[in-house]
Each structure stands twice: as structure tokens, then as C-alpha cells.
């Protein structure tokens, strides 16, 4: 059964809520393999520019009054910078990640150890493949969960049992949008933005019924990774190139803040991929 929709606040009622994030510096960032359509090991990557772009994102969070924790990057794990994939955290409970691709598999234990050392007592080791907040997006009363390319749909029930929240499965069908956080952004507890072309017909209908007032992204803004965004309820940090989506957000009363993460996009990641929310 699909939960009923929630009332949407007026634009003038939008309020920023202080958040706590976990990020991983891109000390070892590189594109040395290809596990999604955005990755080309032959394309040059400017490591120093990637570091500056990551630092600008971190500083933007701090300037907005949010807390940022960092995890030490491990050599040989070039995608560890994408902290969102490391776990899902709701109410202080941590569902650890289990990666599908061998190239990223060691990231799961690395993130799990950080949580253990930093006082998170309820950590669940997953039975099924899930790639953290890449495919699990907390949306207030429920969790939206992607599958089709990375996370196993069996992980949805596992997450539901652990977090004791409804988990709503959404099937991704376009390989360019291989994680849910590349095709959908949670703006607040009642509003999302998404690109319909990334989803199966049935999943599009579920989203339409859950979020009749959703922000609908164009193909151009989706291709700019505009939906790989982070919102605190008012401020929405998103790729600078997604100008159409930014205009839509501003018209809805949000405050879009364009970020340039062009180097990290070479590995198929942007603002949200670099940001894991610690809901404790």
C-alpha cells in the first residue's frame, strides 16, 4: 500500500534545519576503472582541482551552519570520496553498505569501522547488497529505495526491518542514473525533485501519487547531475550547470546554491554523492 501524501508547506514557510554530515577528502581520487557510464579511465583527472572543489562544498556546508565530520581516505579506494554510499543513518541507527562491484567492496568495512569508533552503537551488517544513501533516501515518514543497477531489492525489506520505517521501492531503468540519488533529490519531508525518464512506468506512477507537487527535472538538468543535490529544507546545494532546476527551486521558495564538482562528475558523482547525513 502506498502511504498517503503529506501537505506541502508554502514557499515562505521553508526553514533550514541544521544538519550533520560525513565527508571523505578526495586524497586518492582518480578514475582508474569504469563501473558506470560516466567513468572513462582514459580521460585526465585534475586531482588538485577535485580537492579544491570538494573543499568548496565542505566550506559551503560550514558557512550554512552545518557540522561536517570527515573520514580518513584509504589508499587504493579512489571512490571513497563518495561518502553517501558508505552507509544509511536514521535515528542513530547505521545500516552499513555492501557494494556490488569488487572495486569498491573494501569501502564498506572502512566506513563501518568509522561508525564503530565514533560512538554509533547500533550498526547492522547487511545481508544483501546496498550502496548506502546512493539508493536509500530518507524522506521523513518513509525511505525511498532504488534498485535496478546496484542495490539488491531484497535490501529494501532488510532496511525496513532495521529502521522500522516503510521502504518504498523504485526501479531505475537508465544506466546513466544508476543510483537513486542521481535521479531524485529529497528537498524536505514533503517534497522531492526527480527525473521521470530514470524510472520504470510503475515507479513513475508511485512517485506521481506520493508527490503530486514534485519538482520535475528536465533531461538536460538530470544529465548535469542536478538531482545529485543536498537540501536542508531551504538551501539546496546542487551542480552549478543545472540552471533550469535551480530556477524551478527558486520559484518554489528554496535557495539554490550552485556548486562546481566537475572533476568528481568524471567518476559519476557530485554534491550528494560526497555527502552522508548523520541523523543521530
Protein backbone atom coordinates (compact mmCIF):
# COMPACT_ATOMS: atom_id res chain seq x y z
CA UNK A 1 0.00 0.00 0.00
CA UNK A 2 1.30 3.46 -0.91
CA UNK A 3 1.25 5.90 2.04
CA UNK A 4 -0.94 8.95 1.57
CA UNK A 5 0.65 12.20 0.52
CA UNK A 6 1.55 14.92 3.00
CA UNK A 7 0.53 18.60 2.86
CA UNK A 8 3.16 20.74 1.16
CA UNK A 9 4.27 23.90 3.04
CA UNK A 10 4.01 27.28 1.38
CA UNK A 11 7.24 28.66 -0.05
CA UNK A 12 7.51 31.30 2.66
CA UNK A 13 7.43 28.63 5.35
CA UNK A 14 10.62 26.90 4.27
CA UNK A 15 13.18 26.68 7.07
CA UNK A 16 16.77 25.47 7.09
CA UNK A 17 17.43 22.74 9.66
CA UNK A 18 21.00 22.27 10.97
CA UNK A 19 22.47 19.02 9.71
CA UNK A 20 25.48 16.85 10.48
CA UNK A 21 27.35 15.37 7.54
CA UNK A 22 30.16 12.89 6.96
CA UNK A 23 32.55 13.58 4.08
CA UNK A 24 35.74 11.95 2.79
CA UNK A 25 38.54 14.10 1.32
CA UNK A 26 39.48 13.11 -2.25
CA UNK A 27 43.14 12.44 -1.39
CA UNK A 28 43.21 9.31 -3.56
CA UNK A 29 40.52 10.26 -6.06
CA UNK A 30 41.11 9.01 -9.60
CA UNK A 31 39.24 7.28 -12.38
CA UNK A 32 41.11 4.01 -12.80
CA UNK A 33 38.19 1.74 -13.77
CA UNK A 34 34.72 2.06 -15.27
CA UNK A 35 31.68 0.81 -13.36
CA UNK A 36 29.17 3.39 -14.63
CA UNK A 37 28.67 5.23 -17.95
CA UNK A 38 30.28 8.42 -16.63
CA UNK A 39 33.68 6.83 -15.95
CA UNK A 40 36.44 6.85 -18.56
CA UNK A 41 39.86 5.72 -17.27
CA UNK A 42 41.46 7.31 -20.34
CA UNK A 43 40.15 10.79 -19.52
CA UNK A 44 42.51 13.02 -17.49
CA UNK A 45 41.56 13.93 -13.92
CA UNK A 46 42.91 17.04 -12.19
CA UNK A 47 43.40 15.84 -8.60
CA UNK A 48 44.21 19.29 -7.24
CA UNK A 49 41.08 20.77 -8.81
CA UNK A 50 39.00 17.92 -7.42
CA UNK A 51 40.37 18.71 -3.96
CA UNK A 52 39.53 22.41 -4.28
CA UNK A 53 36.01 21.64 -5.48
CA UNK A 54 35.46 19.23 -2.59
CA UNK A 55 36.77 21.80 -0.11
CA UNK A 56 34.39 24.41 -1.52
CA UNK A 57 31.47 22.05 -0.91
CA UNK A 58 32.59 21.35 2.65
CA UNK A 59 33.06 25.06 3.32
CA UNK A 60 29.59 25.80 1.95
CA UNK A 61 28.08 23.42 4.50
CA UNK A 62 30.07 25.03 7.30
CA UNK A 63 29.07 28.52 6.17
CA UNK A 64 25.42 27.45 6.35
CA UNK A 65 25.91 26.35 9.96
CA UNK A 66 26.04 22.61 9.41
CA UNK A 67 28.53 20.24 11.05
CA UNK A 68 30.95 18.28 8.89
CA UNK A 69 32.80 15.20 10.11
CA UNK A 70 35.48 13.61 7.98
CA UNK A 71 36.67 10.06 7.48
CA UNK A 72 40.28 9.35 6.55
CA UNK A 73 40.50 8.19 2.92
CA UNK A 74 42.26 4.90 2.27
CA UNK A 75 44.80 4.44 -0.48
CA UNK A 76 43.55 2.20 -3.27
CA UNK A 77 39.93 3.28 -2.83
CA UNK A 78 39.55 6.17 -5.31
CA UNK A 79 35.74 6.29 -4.97
CA UNK A 80 35.78 6.52 -1.17
CA UNK A 81 35.24 10.27 -1.61
CA UNK A 82 31.61 9.40 -2.35
CA UNK A 83 30.65 9.15 1.30
CA UNK A 84 26.92 8.89 0.61
CA UNK A 85 27.47 5.29 -0.47
CA UNK A 86 29.14 4.32 2.80
CA UNK A 87 26.02 3.72 4.91
CA UNK A 88 22.48 4.86 5.70
CA UNK A 89 21.92 6.55 9.08
CA UNK A 90 18.46 7.19 10.56
CA UNK A 91 17.81 7.87 14.24
CA UNK A 92 21.37 6.99 15.15
CA UNK A 93 20.99 3.52 13.60
CA UNK A 94 23.51 2.62 10.92
CA UNK A 95 22.79 0.25 8.06
CA UNK A 96 26.26 -0.48 6.73
CA UNK A 97 26.89 -0.68 3.00
CA UNK A 98 27.78 -3.72 0.92
CA UNK A 99 29.00 -2.83 -2.56
CA UNK A 100 28.15 -4.72 -5.72
CA UNK A 101 31.40 -4.02 -7.60
CA UNK A 102 34.64 -5.58 -6.43
CA UNK A 103 36.49 -2.29 -6.98
CA UNK A 104 34.50 -0.62 -4.18
CA UNK A 105 33.91 -3.54 -1.84
CA UNK A 106 36.54 -2.53 0.73
CA UNK A 107 34.79 0.80 1.29
CA UNK A 108 32.04 -0.93 3.29
CA UNK A 109 34.31 -2.10 6.14
CA UNK A 110 36.18 1.24 6.13
CA UNK A 111 33.01 3.21 6.73
CA UNK A 112 31.66 0.64 9.18
CA UNK A 113 34.83 0.99 11.27
CA UNK A 114 34.45 4.80 11.35
CA UNK A 115 30.96 4.44 12.78
CA UNK A 116 32.15 1.94 15.36
CA UNK A 117 34.93 4.25 16.52
CA UNK A 118 32.67 7.28 16.64
CA UNK A 119 30.07 6.09 19.10
CA UNK A 120 27.38 4.59 16.88
CA UNK A 121 26.25 1.56 18.85
CA UNK A 122 23.53 0.20 16.55
CA UNK A 123 25.28 -0.90 13.36
CA UNK A 124 23.70 -3.53 11.13
CA UNK A 125 25.90 -5.62 8.84
CA UNK A 126 23.86 -6.12 5.68
CA UNK A 127 22.91 -9.48 4.25
CA UNK A 128 22.12 -8.04 0.82
CA UNK A 129 23.89 -5.57 -1.44
CA UNK A 130 23.03 -1.96 -0.68
CA UNK A 131 25.06 1.11 -1.56
CA UNK A 132 24.02 3.36 1.28
CA UNK A 133 22.39 6.69 0.55
CA UNK A 134 23.16 6.17 -3.09
CA UNK A 135 19.95 4.12 -3.16
CA UNK A 136 18.31 4.81 0.23
CA UNK A 137 16.92 8.33 0.65
CA UNK A 138 15.23 9.21 3.94
CA UNK A 139 12.08 11.22 3.23
CA UNK A 140 10.57 11.94 6.65
CA UNK A 141 7.91 9.27 7.16
CA UNK A 142 9.44 6.71 4.84
CA UNK A 143 12.57 5.74 2.92
CA UNK A 144 12.69 5.84 -0.86
CA UNK A 145 14.82 2.98 -2.16
CA UNK A 146 16.30 2.49 -5.61
CA UNK A 147 17.17 -0.76 -7.37
CA UNK A 148 17.91 -1.93 -10.87
CA UNK A 149 21.66 -1.41 -11.17
CA UNK A 150 23.37 -1.54 -7.76
CA UNK A 151 21.36 -2.21 -4.61
CA UNK A 152 19.54 -5.54 -4.31
CA UNK A 153 15.75 -5.12 -3.94
CA UNK A 154 15.94 -7.65 -1.08
CA UNK A 155 17.86 -4.96 0.82
CA UNK A 156 14.67 -2.88 0.92
CA UNK A 157 12.96 -5.29 3.32
CA UNK A 158 16.18 -5.55 5.31
CA UNK A 159 16.22 -1.77 5.71
CA UNK A 160 12.53 -1.68 6.62
CA UNK A 161 13.01 -4.22 9.40
CA UNK A 162 16.09 -2.45 10.76
CA UNK A 163 14.83 1.14 10.65
CA UNK A 164 11.17 0.24 11.34
CA UNK A 165 10.05 2.62 8.61
CA UNK A 166 8.15 1.99 5.37
CA UNK A 167 10.54 1.47 2.47
CA UNK A 168 9.19 2.31 -0.98
CA UNK A 169 10.99 0.59 -3.85
CA UNK A 170 11.66 2.49 -7.06
CA UNK A 171 13.08 0.79 -10.14
CA UNK A 172 15.78 2.62 -12.12
CA UNK A 173 15.95 1.84 -15.84
CA UNK A 174 18.52 4.25 -17.32
CA UNK A 175 22.14 3.19 -16.64
CA UNK A 176 23.27 6.82 -16.53
CA UNK A 177 21.22 7.11 -13.34
CA UNK A 178 22.48 4.01 -11.63
CA UNK A 179 21.78 5.19 -8.08
CA UNK A 180 18.58 6.76 -6.80
CA UNK A 181 20.46 9.88 -5.69
CA UNK A 182 21.37 10.61 -9.30
CA UNK A 183 17.71 10.73 -10.34
CA UNK A 184 15.87 12.04 -7.27
CA UNK A 185 16.56 14.58 -4.53
CA UNK A 186 14.67 14.88 -1.26
CA UNK A 187 14.06 18.59 -0.69
CA UNK A 188 12.19 18.29 2.61
CA UNK A 189 9.82 15.86 4.32
CA UNK A 190 7.04 16.55 1.80
CA UNK A 191 8.79 17.46 -1.46
CA UNK A 192 11.15 15.81 -3.90
CA UNK A 193 12.61 16.63 -7.28
CA UNK A 194 13.11 13.86 -9.80
CA UNK A 195 13.68 12.99 -13.45
CA UNK A 196 10.86 10.72 -14.70
CA UNK A 197 12.94 9.22 -17.51
CA UNK A 198 15.17 7.44 -14.99
CA UNK A 199 12.32 5.33 -13.62
CA UNK A 200 10.12 2.45 -14.76
CA UNK A 201 6.49 3.31 -15.59
CA UNK A 202 5.25 1.79 -12.34
CA UNK A 203 7.77 3.71 -10.26
CA UNK A 204 6.87 6.94 -12.04
CA UNK A 205 3.26 6.37 -11.04
CA UNK A 206 4.24 5.73 -7.43
CA UNK A 207 6.18 8.99 -7.35
CA UNK A 208 3.32 10.86 -9.00
CA UNK A 209 0.90 9.62 -6.36
CA UNK A 210 3.24 10.23 -3.44
CA UNK A 211 4.44 13.63 -4.62
CA UNK A 212 1.88 15.27 -6.91
CA UNK A 213 3.63 18.62 -6.41
CA UNK A 214 7.15 17.34 -7.06
CA UNK A 215 9.70 19.40 -8.95
CA UNK A 216 10.15 17.66 -12.31
CA UNK A 217 13.67 17.94 -13.70
CA UNK A 218 14.37 18.16 -17.42
CA UNK A 219 16.61 15.71 -19.23
CA UNK A 220 19.24 18.46 -19.52
CA UNK A 221 19.32 19.16 -15.79
CA UNK A 222 19.37 15.45 -14.98
CA UNK A 223 22.32 14.96 -17.35
CA UNK A 224 24.12 17.76 -15.49
CA UNK A 225 23.65 15.64 -12.33
CA UNK A 226 21.38 18.37 -10.98
CA UNK A 227 19.42 15.89 -8.87
CA UNK A 228 22.53 14.81 -7.02
CA UNK A 229 21.73 17.56 -4.56
CA UNK A 230 21.57 18.16 -0.81
CA UNK A 231 18.81 20.18 0.87
CA UNK A 232 18.49 21.40 4.44
CA UNK A 233 14.87 22.35 3.88
CA UNK A 234 15.70 25.80 2.48
CA UNK A 235 19.17 25.80 0.96
CA UNK A 236 19.69 23.32 -1.88
CA UNK A 237 23.27 22.67 -2.95
CA UNK A 238 23.33 21.29 -6.48
CA UNK A 239 25.61 21.24 -9.53
CA UNK A 240 26.02 24.72 -10.96
CA UNK A 241 25.26 23.55 -14.51
CA UNK A 242 21.66 22.58 -13.60
CA UNK A 243 20.38 26.11 -14.16
CA UNK A 244 16.82 25.14 -15.12
CA UNK A 245 16.38 23.08 -11.97
CA UNK A 246 17.84 25.92 -9.87
CA UNK A 247 15.27 28.30 -11.34
CA UNK A 248 12.45 25.88 -10.52
CA UNK A 249 13.68 25.54 -6.95
CA UNK A 250 13.91 29.30 -6.51
CA UNK A 251 10.35 29.68 -7.78
CA UNK A 252 9.25 27.20 -5.08
CA UNK A 253 10.89 29.25 -2.32
CA UNK A 254 14.10 27.25 -1.97
CA UNK A 255 17.53 28.87 -2.07
CA UNK A 256 19.61 27.06 -4.73
CA UNK A 257 23.38 27.22 -4.31
CA UNK A 258 25.32 26.14 -7.39
CA UNK A 259 28.47 24.10 -6.82
CA UNK A 260 31.15 23.09 -9.30
CA UNK A 261 32.20 19.46 -8.85
CA UNK A 262 33.12 18.85 -12.48
CA UNK A 263 36.15 16.71 -11.67
CA UNK A 264 34.20 14.39 -9.38
CA UNK A 265 31.50 14.08 -12.03
CA UNK A 266 34.09 12.24 -14.14
CA UNK A 267 33.51 9.32 -11.77
CA UNK A 268 29.72 9.74 -11.75
CA UNK A 269 29.38 11.73 -8.54
CA UNK A 270 28.54 15.21 -7.35
CA UNK A 271 27.14 17.04 -4.31
CA UNK A 272 25.01 14.30 -2.76
CA UNK A 273 27.47 11.54 -3.56
CA UNK A 274 30.06 13.37 -1.45
CA UNK A 275 27.69 13.82 1.49
CA UNK A 276 26.36 11.29 4.00
CA UNK A 277 23.89 12.70 6.51
CA UNK A 278 24.38 11.55 10.11
CA UNK A 279 20.86 11.53 11.50
CA UNK A 280 21.63 10.81 15.13
